[in-house]
Amino acid sequence: MIAFEDVSHDYGGGPLFRDVTLRLEQGSFHFLTGPSGAGKSTILKLCYGELQPSSGKVSVMGRALAEMTRDQLAETRQRIGVVHQDCQFLDHLSVAQNVGLPLTTTGRDLTETDLSDLLGWVGLGGHANAFPPTLSGGERQRAALARAVIVAPTLLLADEPTGNLDWDMSQRLLMLMVELNRMGTAIVIATHDLNLIRFAKAHVNARVLRFSGRKLQIAGAEL
Protein backbone atom coordinates (compact mmCIF):
# COMPACT_ATOMS: atom_id res chain seq x y z
CA MET A 1 0.00 0.00 0.00
CA ILE A 2 2.70 2.51 1.10
CA ALA A 3 6.40 1.76 0.69
CA PHE A 4 9.42 3.84 1.70
CA GLU A 5 12.81 2.87 0.30
CA ASP A 6 15.85 4.60 1.86
CA VAL A 7 13.85 7.82 2.27
CA SER A 8 15.43 10.95 3.72
CA HIS A 9 13.94 14.39 4.10
CA ASP A 10 15.65 17.74 4.52
CA TYR A 11 13.94 21.11 5.01
CA GLY A 12 17.22 22.92 4.42
CA GLY A 13 19.05 22.62 7.73
CA GLY A 14 20.29 19.06 7.39
CA PRO A 15 18.31 15.82 7.26
CA LEU A 16 15.26 15.64 9.50
CA PHE A 17 15.50 11.86 9.17
CA ARG A 18 17.39 9.54 6.85
CA ASP A 19 17.33 6.06 5.33
CA VAL A 20 13.73 5.23 6.30
CA THR A 21 12.58 1.93 4.81
CA LEU A 22 9.15 0.59 5.71
CA ARG A 23 5.97 -0.92 4.31
CA LEU A 24 2.43 -0.09 5.38
CA GLU A 25 0.26 -3.00 4.33
CA GLN A 26 -3.48 -3.23 3.75
CA GLY A 27 -5.31 -3.60 7.07
CA SER A 28 -2.26 -2.82 9.21
CA PHE A 29 -2.17 -0.54 12.26
CA HIS A 30 0.89 1.61 12.94
CA PHE A 31 1.87 4.25 15.45
CA LEU A 32 4.60 6.81 14.75
CA THR A 33 6.11 8.21 17.93
CA GLY A 34 9.10 10.25 19.01
CA PRO A 35 9.92 13.78 20.19
CA SER A 36 8.33 16.88 18.69
CA GLY A 37 10.04 17.88 15.46
CA ALA A 38 11.44 14.40 14.79
CA GLY A 39 9.49 13.93 11.56
CA LYS A 40 6.18 12.26 12.43
CA SER A 41 4.04 14.76 10.51
CA THR A 42 6.50 14.73 7.62
CA ILE A 43 6.15 10.95 7.25
CA LEU A 44 2.36 11.36 7.04
CA LYS A 45 2.68 14.11 4.42
CA LEU A 46 4.92 11.86 2.35
CA CYS A 47 2.27 9.12 2.58
CA TYR A 48 -0.34 11.24 0.80
CA GLY A 49 1.94 13.21 -1.48
CA GLU A 50 1.87 16.63 0.13
CA LEU A 51 5.67 16.36 0.20
CA GLN A 52 8.22 14.64 -2.02
CA PRO A 53 11.22 13.00 -0.31
CA SER A 54 14.59 14.69 -0.55
CA SER A 55 16.06 11.31 -1.48
CA GLY A 56 14.86 7.75 -1.76
CA LYS A 57 11.56 6.47 -3.13
CA VAL A 58 8.00 6.59 -1.82
CA SER A 59 5.37 4.41 -3.50
CA VAL A 60 1.68 4.97 -2.80
CA MET A 61 -0.92 2.39 -3.85
CA GLY A 62 1.61 0.75 -6.16
CA ARG A 63 2.78 3.94 -7.88
CA ALA A 64 6.02 5.85 -7.32
CA LEU A 65 5.12 9.24 -5.89
CA ALA A 66 7.72 11.04 -8.00
CA GLU A 67 6.23 9.62 -11.21
CA MET A 68 2.57 10.46 -10.55
CA THR A 69 0.79 13.10 -12.57
CA ARG A 70 -1.36 15.63 -10.75
CA ASP A 71 -4.49 13.73 -11.78
CA GLN A 72 -3.05 10.41 -10.61
CA LEU A 73 -2.14 11.91 -7.26
CA ALA A 74 -5.65 13.37 -6.87
CA GLU A 75 -7.14 9.97 -7.71
CA THR A 76 -4.88 8.25 -5.19
CA ARG A 77 -5.77 10.73 -2.45
CA GLN A 78 -9.42 9.77 -2.81
CA ARG A 79 -8.44 6.46 -1.20
CA ILE A 80 -6.70 8.13 1.76
CA GLY A 81 -8.39 9.84 4.71
CA VAL A 82 -6.43 12.38 6.74
CA VAL A 83 -7.17 13.73 10.22
CA HIS A 84 -5.05 16.85 10.60
CA GLN A 85 -3.79 18.08 13.93
CA ASP A 86 -5.53 21.46 13.66
CA CYS A 87 -9.00 20.14 12.61
CA GLN A 88 -9.95 23.13 10.48
CA PHE A 89 -13.53 23.52 9.23
CA LEU A 90 -15.54 26.02 7.21
CA ASP A 91 -17.33 27.86 10.01
CA HIS A 92 -20.22 29.03 7.83
CA LEU A 93 -21.18 25.45 6.97
CA SER A 94 -22.91 23.02 9.31
CA VAL A 95 -21.20 19.96 10.73
CA ALA A 96 -23.05 17.77 8.22
CA GLN A 97 -21.98 19.98 5.31
CA ASN A 98 -18.35 20.02 6.48
CA VAL A 99 -18.28 16.25 6.89
CA GLY A 100 -19.77 15.77 3.42
CA LEU A 101 -17.35 18.11 1.64
CA PRO A 102 -14.88 15.41 0.48
CA LEU A 103 -17.67 13.74 -1.49
CA THR A 104 -19.11 17.03 -2.74
CA THR A 105 -15.77 18.10 -4.21
CA THR A 106 -15.40 14.81 -6.11
CA GLY A 107 -18.98 14.76 -7.37
CA ARG A 108 -19.86 11.57 -5.51
CA ASP A 109 -23.33 11.06 -4.10
CA LEU A 110 -24.12 10.94 -0.41
CA THR A 111 -27.51 10.03 0.96
CA GLU A 112 -28.91 11.74 4.02
CA THR A 113 -29.21 8.33 5.67
CA ASP A 114 -25.53 7.53 5.10
CA LEU A 115 -24.47 10.88 6.53
CA SER A 116 -26.77 10.46 9.53
CA ASP A 117 -25.37 6.97 10.18
CA LEU A 118 -21.80 8.27 10.00
CA LEU A 119 -22.45 11.15 12.39
CA GLY A 120 -24.17 8.72 14.75
CA TRP A 121 -21.16 6.40 14.60
CA VAL A 122 -18.84 9.18 15.85
CA GLY A 123 -21.36 10.31 18.46
CA LEU A 124 -22.45 13.49 16.68
CA GLY A 125 -25.94 12.45 15.64
CA GLY A 126 -27.46 15.44 17.43
CA HIS A 127 -24.99 17.94 15.98
CA ALA A 128 -25.64 17.65 12.23
CA ASN A 129 -26.99 21.19 11.99
CA ALA A 130 -24.57 22.74 14.46
CA PHE A 131 -21.72 24.98 13.32
CA PRO A 132 -18.04 24.24 14.05
CA PRO A 133 -17.46 27.15 16.48
CA THR A 134 -20.05 25.62 18.83
CA LEU A 135 -18.27 22.26 19.08
CA SER A 136 -16.01 21.16 21.91
CA GLY A 137 -12.49 19.92 21.22
CA GLY A 138 -13.60 16.29 21.34
CA GLU A 139 -16.54 16.96 19.05
CA ARG A 140 -14.28 18.68 16.53
CA GLN A 141 -11.91 15.73 16.53
CA ARG A 142 -14.78 13.29 15.97
CA ALA A 143 -16.16 15.47 13.17
CA ALA A 144 -12.70 15.48 11.59
CA LEU A 145 -12.62 11.68 11.78
CA ALA A 146 -16.06 11.46 10.15
CA ARG A 147 -14.92 13.79 7.36
CA ALA A 148 -11.81 11.66 6.79
CA VAL A 149 -13.67 8.34 6.58
CA ILE A 150 -16.66 9.47 4.53
CA VAL A 151 -14.77 8.55 1.35
CA ALA A 152 -14.41 4.95 2.67
CA PRO A 153 -10.59 5.17 2.58
CA THR A 154 -8.32 2.16 2.42
CA LEU A 155 -5.79 4.13 4.50
CA LEU A 156 -6.41 6.58 7.35
CA LEU A 157 -3.64 8.91 8.52
CA ALA A 158 -4.10 10.77 11.82
CA ASP A 159 -1.70 13.44 13.11
CA GLU A 160 -1.84 13.77 16.92
CA PRO A 161 -5.62 13.15 16.84
CA THR A 162 -5.92 13.11 20.64
CA GLY A 163 -3.44 15.87 21.43
CA ASN A 164 -5.99 18.26 22.96
CA LEU A 165 -8.40 15.70 24.42
CA ASP A 166 -8.89 14.32 27.91
CA TRP A 167 -8.15 10.65 28.53
CA ASP A 168 -11.73 9.42 28.26
CA MET A 169 -12.26 11.16 24.92
CA SER A 170 -8.84 9.98 23.68
CA GLN A 171 -9.84 6.38 24.35
CA ARG A 172 -13.18 6.86 22.61
CA LEU A 173 -11.58 8.32 19.48
CA LEU A 174 -8.93 5.59 19.45
CA MET A 175 -11.56 2.86 19.67
CA LEU A 176 -13.36 4.33 16.66
CA MET A 177 -10.13 3.93 14.69
CA VAL A 178 -9.66 0.40 16.02
CA GLU A 179 -13.16 -0.39 14.76
CA LEU A 180 -12.26 1.01 11.34
CA ASN A 181 -9.15 -1.13 11.29
CA ARG A 182 -11.18 -4.24 12.06
CA MET A 183 -13.24 -3.44 8.95
CA GLY A 184 -10.06 -3.47 6.84
CA THR A 185 -8.81 0.12 6.87
CA ALA A 186 -5.08 0.58 7.40
CA ILE A 187 -4.39 3.09 10.18
CA VAL A 188 -1.32 5.24 10.84
CA ILE A 189 -1.38 7.49 13.93
CA ALA A 190 1.35 9.97 14.78
CA THR A 191 1.38 10.59 18.53
CA HIS A 192 3.65 11.38 21.44
CA ASP A 193 1.19 9.80 23.91
CA LEU A 194 2.69 6.50 25.04
CA ASN A 195 -0.32 5.80 27.29
CA LEU A 196 -2.54 5.88 24.22
CA ILE A 197 -0.25 3.41 22.46
CA ARG A 198 -0.27 1.07 25.46
CA PHE A 199 -4.06 1.26 25.58
CA ALA A 200 -4.33 0.51 21.86
CA LYS A 201 -2.05 -2.51 22.02
CA ALA A 202 -4.55 -4.20 24.32
CA HIS A 203 -7.16 -3.96 21.55
CA VAL A 204 -5.33 -4.21 18.24
CA ASN A 205 -2.18 -5.72 16.79
CA ALA A 206 -0.35 -2.41 16.40
CA ARG A 207 3.22 -1.93 15.22
CA VAL A 208 5.05 0.97 16.86
CA LEU A 209 7.68 2.94 14.94
CA ARG A 210 9.79 5.42 16.89
CA PHE A 211 12.12 8.19 15.78
CA SER A 212 15.52 8.08 17.46
CA GLY A 213 18.72 9.68 16.22
CA ARG A 214 17.18 10.69 12.86
CA LYS A 215 16.18 7.08 12.23
CA LEU A 216 12.79 5.40 12.34
CA GLN A 217 13.04 2.19 14.29
CA ILE A 218 10.70 -0.53 15.55
CA ALA A 219 10.01 0.30 19.19
CA GLY A 220 10.87 -2.24 21.84
CA ALA A 221 8.71 -3.98 24.40
CA GLU A 222 9.19 -1.17 26.94
CA LEU A 223 6.18 0.58 25.43
C-alpha atoms as a PDB file:
ATOM      1  CA  MET A   1       0.000   0.000   0.000  1.00  0.00           C
ATOM      2  CA  ILE A   2       2.699   2.507   1.095  1.00  0.00           C
ATOM      3  CA  ALA A   3       6.401   1.756   0.694  1.00  0.00           C
ATOM      4  CA  PHE A   4       9.420   3.841   1.700  1.00  0.00           C
ATOM      5  CA  GLU A   5      12.808   2.867   0.304  1.00  0.00           C
ATOM      6  CA  ASP A   6      15.846   4.599   1.862  1.00  0.00           C
ATOM      7  CA  VAL A   7      13.854   7.818   2.266  1.00  0.00           C
ATOM      8  CA  SER A   8      15.433  10.945   3.716  1.00  0.00           C
ATOM      9  CA  HIS A   9      13.944  14.390   4.103  1.00  0.00           C
ATOM     10  CA  ASP A  10      15.647  17.743   4.517  1.00  0.00           C
ATOM     11  CA  TYR A  11      13.944  21.108   5.008  1.00  0.00           C
ATOM     12  CA  GLY A  12      17.222  22.920   4.416  1.00  0.00           C
ATOM     13  CA  GLY A  13      19.051  22.623   7.729  1.00  0.00           C
ATOM     14  CA  GLY A  14      20.290  19.064   7.390  1.00  0.00           C
ATOM     15  CA  PRO A  15      18.311  15.820   7.256  1.00  0.00           C
ATOM     16  CA  LEU A  16      15.258  15.635   9.504  1.00  0.00           C
ATOM     17  CA  PHE A  17      15.501  11.855   9.170  1.00  0.00           C
ATOM     18  CA  ARG A  18      17.385   9.543   6.849  1.00  0.00           C
ATOM     19  CA  ASP A  19      17.326   6.062   5.332  1.00  0.00           C
ATOM     20  CA  VAL A  20      13.735   5.229   6.297  1.00  0.00           C
ATOM     21  CA  THR A  21      12.582   1.928   4.811  1.00  0.00           C
ATOM     22  CA  LEU A  22       9.145   0.594   5.714  1.00  0.00           C
ATOM     23  CA  ARG A  23       5.972  -0.915   4.308  1.00  0.00           C
ATOM     24  CA  LEU A  24       2.428  -0.085   5.378  1.00  0.00           C
ATOM     25  CA  GLU A  25       0.261  -3.001   4.327  1.00  0.00           C
ATOM     26  CA  GLN A  26      -3.482  -3.229   3.753  1.00  0.00           C
ATOM     27  CA  GLY A  27      -5.305  -3.596   7.067  1.00  0.00           C
ATOM     28  CA  SER A  28      -2.256  -2.825   9.214  1.00  0.00           C
ATOM     29  CA  PHE A  29      -2.173  -0.537  12.259  1.00  0.00           C
ATOM     30  CA  HIS A  30       0.888   1.607  12.936  1.00  0.00           C
ATOM     31  CA  PHE A  31       1.870   4.251  15.453  1.00  0.00           C
ATOM     32  CA  LEU A  32       4.596   6.812  14.754  1.00  0.00           C
ATOM     33  CA  THR A  33       6.110   8.211  17.929  1.00  0.00           C
ATOM     34  CA  GLY A  34       9.104  10.255  19.007  1.00  0.00           C
ATOM     35  CA  PRO A  35       9.922  13.781  20.189  1.00  0.00           C
ATOM     36  CA  SER A  36       8.327  16.879  18.686  1.00  0.00           C
ATOM     37  CA  GLY A  37      10.043  17.879  15.457  1.00  0.00           C
ATOM     38  CA  ALA A  38      11.437  14.402  14.791  1.00  0.00           C
ATOM     39  CA  GLY A  39       9.492  13.927  11.559  1.00  0.00           C
ATOM     40  CA  LYS A  40       6.175  12.258  12.425  1.00  0.00           C
ATOM     41  CA  SER A  41       4.035  14.762  10.514  1.00  0.00           C
ATOM     42  CA  THR A  42       6.496  14.730   7.618  1.00  0.00           C
ATOM     43  CA  ILE A  43       6.149  10.951   7.249  1.00  0.00           C
ATOM     44  CA  LEU A  44       2.364  11.357   7.042  1.00  0.00           C
ATOM     45  CA  LYS A  45       2.685  14.113   4.421  1.00  0.00           C
ATOM     46  CA  LEU A  46       4.921  11.859   2.349  1.00  0.00           C
ATOM     47  CA  CYS A  47       2.269   9.120   2.576  1.00  0.00           C
ATOM     48  CA  TYR A  48      -0.341  11.238   0.805  1.00  0.00           C
ATOM     49  CA  GLY A  49       1.941  13.205  -1.475  1.00  0.00           C
ATOM     50  CA  GLU A  50       1.869  16.635   0.134  1.00  0.00           C
ATOM     51  CA  LEU A  51       5.670  16.356   0.199  1.00  0.00           C
ATOM     52  CA  GLN A  52       8.218  14.640  -2.025  1.00  0.00           C
ATOM     53  CA  PRO A  53      11.225  12.999  -0.312  1.00  0.00           C
ATOM     54  CA  SER A  54      14.593  14.694  -0.554  1.00  0.00           C
ATOM     55  CA  SER A  55      16.059  11.310  -1.484  1.00  0.00           C
ATOM     56  CA  GLY A  56      14.858   7.748  -1.757  1.00  0.00           C
ATOM     57  CA  LYS A  57      11.560   6.471  -3.132  1.00  0.00           C
ATOM     58  CA  VAL A  58       7.999   6.594  -1.820  1.00  0.00           C
ATOM     59  CA  SER A  59       5.369   4.411  -3.499  1.00  0.00           C
ATOM     60  CA  VAL A  60       1.677   4.970  -2.803  1.00  0.00           C
ATOM     61  CA  MET A  61      -0.925   2.395  -3.851  1.00  0.00           C
ATOM     62  CA  GLY A  62       1.607   0.752  -6.159  1.00  0.00           C
ATOM     63  CA  ARG A  63       2.781   3.941  -7.877  1.00  0.00           C
ATOM     64  CA  ALA A  64       6.018   5.848  -7.325  1.00  0.00           C
ATOM     65  CA  LEU A  65       5.117   9.235  -5.889  1.00  0.00           C
ATOM     66  CA  ALA A  66       7.715  11.040  -7.996  1.00  0.00           C
ATOM     67  CA  GLU A  67       6.228   9.619 -11.207  1.00  0.00           C
ATOM     68  CA  MET A  68       2.575  10.458 -10.548  1.00  0.00           C
ATOM     69  CA  THR A  69       0.794  13.101 -12.574  1.00  0.00           C
ATOM     70  CA  ARG A  70      -1.360  15.628 -10.751  1.00  0.00           C
ATOM     71  CA  ASP A  71      -4.487  13.725 -11.784  1.00  0.00           C
ATOM     72  CA  GLN A  72      -3.047  10.408 -10.614  1.00  0.00           C
ATOM     73  CA  LEU A  73      -2.137  11.914  -7.259  1.00  0.00           C
ATOM     74  CA  ALA A  74      -5.648  13.373  -6.867  1.00  0.00           C
ATOM     75  CA  GLU A  75      -7.140   9.973  -7.707  1.00  0.00           C
ATOM     76  CA  THR A  76      -4.882   8.248  -5.189  1.00  0.00           C
ATOM     77  CA  ARG A  77      -5.772  10.731  -2.446  1.00  0.00           C
ATOM     78  CA  GLN A  78      -9.422   9.769  -2.810  1.00  0.00           C
ATOM     79  CA  ARG A  79      -8.441   6.459  -1.196  1.00  0.00           C
ATOM     80  CA  ILE A  80      -6.699   8.133   1.762  1.00  0.00           C
ATOM     81  CA  GLY A  81      -8.392   9.840   4.712  1.00  0.00           C
ATOM     82  CA  VAL A  82      -6.430  12.383   6.737  1.00  0.00           C
ATOM     83  CA  VAL A  83      -7.173  13.728  10.220  1.00  0.00           C
ATOM     84  CA  HIS A  84      -5.049  16.854  10.597  1.00  0.00           C
ATOM     85  CA  GLN A  85      -3.786  18.082  13.932  1.00  0.00           C
ATOM     86  CA  ASP A  86      -5.527  21.461  13.657  1.00  0.00           C
ATOM     87  CA  CYS A  87      -8.997  20.143  12.610  1.00  0.00           C
ATOM     88  CA  GLN A  88      -9.954  23.135  10.475  1.00  0.00           C
ATOM     89  CA  PHE A  89     -13.527  23.523   9.227  1.00  0.00           C
ATOM     90  CA  LEU A  90     -15.544  26.024   7.212  1.00  0.00           C
ATOM     91  CA  ASP A  91     -17.329  27.857  10.012  1.00  0.00           C
ATOM     92  CA  HIS A  92     -20.223  29.033   7.829  1.00  0.00           C
ATOM     93  CA  LEU A  93     -21.182  25.448   6.973  1.00  0.00           C
ATOM     94  CA  SER A  94     -22.912  23.020   9.312  1.00  0.00           C
ATOM     95  CA  VAL A  95     -21.198  19.961  10.729  1.00  0.00           C
ATOM     96  CA  ALA A  96     -23.049  17.774   8.218  1.00  0.00           C
ATOM     97  CA  GLN A  97     -21.981  19.977   5.311  1.00  0.00           C
ATOM     98  CA  ASN A  98     -18.355  20.018   6.479  1.00  0.00           C
ATOM     99  CA  VAL A  99     -18.283  16.249   6.887  1.00  0.00           C
ATOM    100  CA  GLY A 100     -19.772  15.770   3.423  1.00  0.00           C
ATOM    101  CA  LEU A 101     -17.348  18.110   1.641  1.00  0.00           C
ATOM    102  CA  PRO A 102     -14.878  15.414   0.477  1.00  0.00           C
ATOM    103  CA  LEU A 103     -17.665  13.740  -1.493  1.00  0.00           C
ATOM    104  CA  THR A 104     -19.113  17.030  -2.742  1.00  0.00           C
ATOM    105  CA  THR A 105     -15.772  18.102  -4.213  1.00  0.00           C
ATOM    106  CA  THR A 106     -15.396  14.813  -6.106  1.00  0.00           C
ATOM    107  CA  GLY A 107     -18.981  14.757  -7.373  1.00  0.00           C
ATOM    108  CA  ARG A 108     -19.857  11.574  -5.515  1.00  0.00           C
ATOM    109  CA  ASP A 109     -23.328  11.059  -4.097  1.00  0.00           C
ATOM    110  CA  LEU A 110     -24.117  10.942  -0.408  1.00  0.00           C
ATOM    111  CA  THR A 111     -27.508  10.027   0.958  1.00  0.00           C
ATOM    112  CA  GLU A 112     -28.912  11.738   4.018  1.00  0.00           C
ATOM    113  CA  THR A 113     -29.208   8.326   5.672  1.00  0.00           C
ATOM    114  CA  ASP A 114     -25.532   7.526   5.103  1.00  0.00           C
ATOM    115  CA  LEU A 115     -24.472  10.879   6.535  1.00  0.00           C
ATOM    116  CA  SER A 116     -26.772  10.457   9.531  1.00  0.00           C
ATOM    117  CA  ASP A 117     -25.374   6.970  10.179  1.00  0.00           C
ATOM    118  CA  LEU A 118     -21.797   8.265  10.003  1.00  0.00           C
ATOM    119  CA  LEU A 119     -22.449  11.149  12.387  1.00  0.00           C
ATOM    120  CA  GLY A 120     -24.167   8.723  14.749  1.00  0.00           C
ATOM    121  CA  TRP A 121     -21.157   6.402  14.603  1.00  0.00           C
ATOM    122  CA  VAL A 122     -18.839   9.179  15.847  1.00  0.00           C
ATOM    123  CA  GLY A 123     -21.362  10.307  18.456  1.00  0.00           C
ATOM    124  CA  LEU A 124     -22.450  13.488  16.680  1.00  0.00           C
ATOM    125  CA  GLY A 125     -25.938  12.446  15.645  1.00  0.00           C
ATOM    126  CA  GLY A 126     -27.464  15.439  17.429  1.00  0.00           C
ATOM    127  CA  HIS A 127     -24.993  17.938  15.978  1.00  0.00           C
ATOM    128  CA  ALA A 128     -25.638  17.649  12.228  1.00  0.00           C
ATOM    129  CA  ASN A 129     -26.985  21.192  11.986  1.00  0.00           C
ATOM    130  CA  ALA A 130     -24.565  22.741  14.464  1.00  0.00           C
ATOM    131  CA  PHE A 131     -21.718  24.975  13.319  1.00  0.00           C
ATOM    132  CA  PRO A 132     -18.045  24.243  14.048  1.00  0.00           C
ATOM    133  CA  PRO A 133     -17.461  27.153  16.484  1.00  0.00           C
ATOM    134  CA  THR A 134     -20.048  25.625  18.834  1.00  0.00           C
ATOM    135  CA  LEU A 135     -18.273  22.257  19.079  1.00  0.00           C
ATOM    136  CA  SER A 136     -16.013  21.158  21.907  1.00  0.00           C
ATOM    137  CA  GLY A 137     -12.493  19.922  21.219  1.00  0.00           C
ATOM    138  CA  GLY A 138     -13.600  16.294  21.339  1.00  0.00           C
ATOM    139  CA  GLU A 139     -16.539  16.957  19.055  1.00  0.00           C
ATOM    140  CA  ARG A 140     -14.281  18.683  16.529  1.00  0.00           C
ATOM    141  CA  GLN A 141     -11.913  15.726  16.529  1.00  0.00           C
ATOM    142  CA  ARG A 142     -14.782  13.292  15.971  1.00  0.00           C
ATOM    143  CA  ALA A 143     -16.162  15.469  13.170  1.00  0.00           C
ATOM    144  CA  ALA A 144     -12.700  15.482  11.591  1.00  0.00           C
ATOM    145  CA  LEU A 145     -12.620  11.685  11.778  1.00  0.00           C
ATOM    146  CA  ALA A 146     -16.060  11.460  10.146  1.00  0.00           C
ATOM    147  CA  ARG A 147     -14.916  13.789   7.359  1.00  0.00           C
ATOM    148  CA  ALA A 148     -11.809  11.656   6.794  1.00  0.00           C
ATOM    149  CA  VAL A 149     -13.669   8.339   6.578  1.00  0.00           C
ATOM    150  CA  ILE A 150     -16.663   9.474   4.531  1.00  0.00           C
ATOM    151  CA  VAL A 151     -14.773   8.546   1.352  1.00  0.00           C
ATOM    152  CA  ALA A 152     -14.409   4.949   2.672  1.00  0.00           C
ATOM    153  CA  PRO A 153     -10.590   5.173   2.579  1.00  0.00           C
ATOM    154  CA  THR A 154      -8.319   2.162   2.419  1.00  0.00           C
ATOM    155  CA  LEU A 155      -5.792   4.126   4.496  1.00  0.00           C
ATOM    156  CA  LEU A 156      -6.411   6.577   7.353  1.00  0.00           C
ATOM    157  CA  LEU A 157      -3.639   8.913   8.518  1.00  0.00           C
ATOM    158  CA  ALA A 158      -4.102  10.773  11.818  1.00  0.00           C
ATOM    159  CA  ASP A 159      -1.704  13.443  13.110  1.00  0.00           C
ATOM    160  CA  GLU A 160      -1.844  13.768  16.918  1.00  0.00           C
ATOM    161  CA  PRO A 161      -5.620  13.153  16.835  1.00  0.00           C
ATOM    162  CA  THR A 162      -5.925  13.106  20.640  1.00  0.00           C
ATOM    163  CA  GLY A 163      -3.440  15.873  21.427  1.00  0.00           C
ATOM    164  CA  ASN A 164      -5.995  18.256  22.956  1.00  0.00           C
ATOM    165  CA  LEU A 165      -8.405  15.696  24.419  1.00  0.00           C
ATOM    166  CA  ASP A 166      -8.887  14.318  27.907  1.00  0.00           C
ATOM    167  CA  TRP A 167      -8.150  10.651  28.531  1.00  0.00           C
ATOM    168  CA  ASP A 168     -11.732   9.416  28.260  1.00  0.00           C
ATOM    169  CA  MET A 169     -12.255  11.160  24.917  1.00  0.00           C
ATOM    170  CA  SER A 170      -8.843   9.977  23.682  1.00  0.00           C
ATOM    171  CA  GLN A 171      -9.838   6.375  24.352  1.00  0.00           C
ATOM    172  CA  ARG A 172     -13.185   6.864  22.607  1.00  0.00           C
ATOM    173  CA  LEU A 173     -11.578   8.317  19.483  1.00  0.00           C
ATOM    174  CA  LEU A 174      -8.927   5.589  19.446  1.00  0.00           C
ATOM    175  CA  MET A 175     -11.561   2.859  19.667  1.00  0.00           C
ATOM    176  CA  LEU A 176     -13.359   4.335  16.656  1.00  0.00           C
ATOM    177  CA  MET A 177     -10.131   3.932  14.693  1.00  0.00           C
ATOM    178  CA  VAL A 178      -9.662   0.400  16.020  1.00  0.00           C
ATOM    179  CA  GLU A 179     -13.156  -0.386  14.764  1.00  0.00           C
ATOM    180  CA  LEU A 180     -12.262   1.012  11.339  1.00  0.00           C
ATOM    181  CA  ASN A 181      -9.153  -1.135  11.288  1.00  0.00           C
ATOM    182  CA  ARG A 182     -11.182  -4.239  12.058  1.00  0.00           C
ATOM    183  CA  MET A 183     -13.238  -3.437   8.953  1.00  0.00           C
ATOM    184  CA  GLY A 184     -10.064  -3.468   6.836  1.00  0.00           C
ATOM    185  CA  THR A 185      -8.812   0.123   6.870  1.00  0.00           C
ATOM    186  CA  ALA A 186      -5.079   0.576   7.396  1.00  0.00           C
ATOM    187  CA  ILE A 187      -4.390   3.095  10.181  1.00  0.00           C
ATOM    188  CA  VAL A 188      -1.316   5.245  10.844  1.00  0.00           C
ATOM    189  CA  ILE A 189      -1.382   7.486  13.929  1.00  0.00           C
ATOM    190  CA  ALA A 190       1.351   9.973  14.781  1.00  0.00           C
ATOM    191  CA  THR A 191       1.377  10.586  18.531  1.00  0.00           C
ATOM    192  CA  HIS A 192       3.646  11.381  21.444  1.00  0.00           C
ATOM    193  CA  ASP A 193       1.192   9.805  23.910  1.00  0.00           C
ATOM    194  CA  LEU A 194       2.690   6.499  25.044  1.00  0.00           C
ATOM    195  CA  ASN A 195      -0.315   5.802  27.288  1.00  0.00           C
ATOM    196  CA  LEU A 196      -2.541   5.882  24.219  1.00  0.00           C
ATOM    197  CA  ILE A 197      -0.247   3.405  22.461  1.00  0.00           C
ATOM    198  CA  ARG A 198      -0.273   1.065  25.458  1.00  0.00           C
ATOM    199  CA  PHE A 199      -4.063   1.258  25.579  1.00  0.00           C
ATOM    200  CA  ALA A 200      -4.327   0.514  21.859  1.00  0.00           C
ATOM    201  CA  LYS A 201      -2.047  -2.510  22.017  1.00  0.00           C
ATOM    202  CA  ALA A 202      -4.550  -4.205  24.320  1.00  0.00           C
ATOM    203  CA  HIS A 203      -7.161  -3.959  21.553  1.00  0.00           C
ATOM    204  CA  VAL A 204      -5.334  -4.207  18.239  1.00  0.00           C
ATOM    205  CA  ASN A 205      -2.177  -5.722  16.792  1.00  0.00           C
ATOM    206  CA  ALA A 206      -0.349  -2.414  16.404  1.00  0.00           C
ATOM    207  CA  ARG A 207       3.223  -1.932  15.216  1.00  0.00           C
ATOM    208  CA  VAL A 208       5.049   0.971  16.856  1.00  0.00           C
ATOM    209  CA  LEU A 209       7.685   2.941  14.939  1.00  0.00           C
ATOM    210  CA  ARG A 210       9.791   5.419  16.885  1.00  0.00           C
ATOM    211  CA  PHE A 211      12.122   8.190  15.778  1.00  0.00           C
ATOM    212  CA  SER A 212      15.516   8.082  17.458  1.00  0.00           C
ATOM    213  CA  GLY A 213      18.721   9.678  16.216  1.00  0.00           C
ATOM    214  CA  ARG A 214      17.178  10.690  12.864  1.00  0.00           C
ATOM    215  CA  LYS A 215      16.183   7.081  12.233  1.00  0.00           C
ATOM    216  CA  LEU A 216      12.785   5.402  12.335  1.00  0.00           C
ATOM    217  CA  GLN A 217      13.037   2.188  14.288  1.00  0.00           C
ATOM    218  CA  ILE A 218      10.700  -0.532  15.553  1.00  0.00           C
ATOM    219  CA  ALA A 219      10.006   0.303  19.190  1.00  0.00           C
ATOM    220  CA  GLY A 220      10.874  -2.243  21.839  1.00  0.00           C
ATOM    221  CA  ALA A 221       8.705  -3.982  24.399  1.00  0.00           C
ATOM    222  CA  GLU A 222       9.194  -1.165  26.943  1.00  0.00           C
ATOM    223  CA  LEU A 223       6.179   0.583  25.425  1.00  0.00           C
END
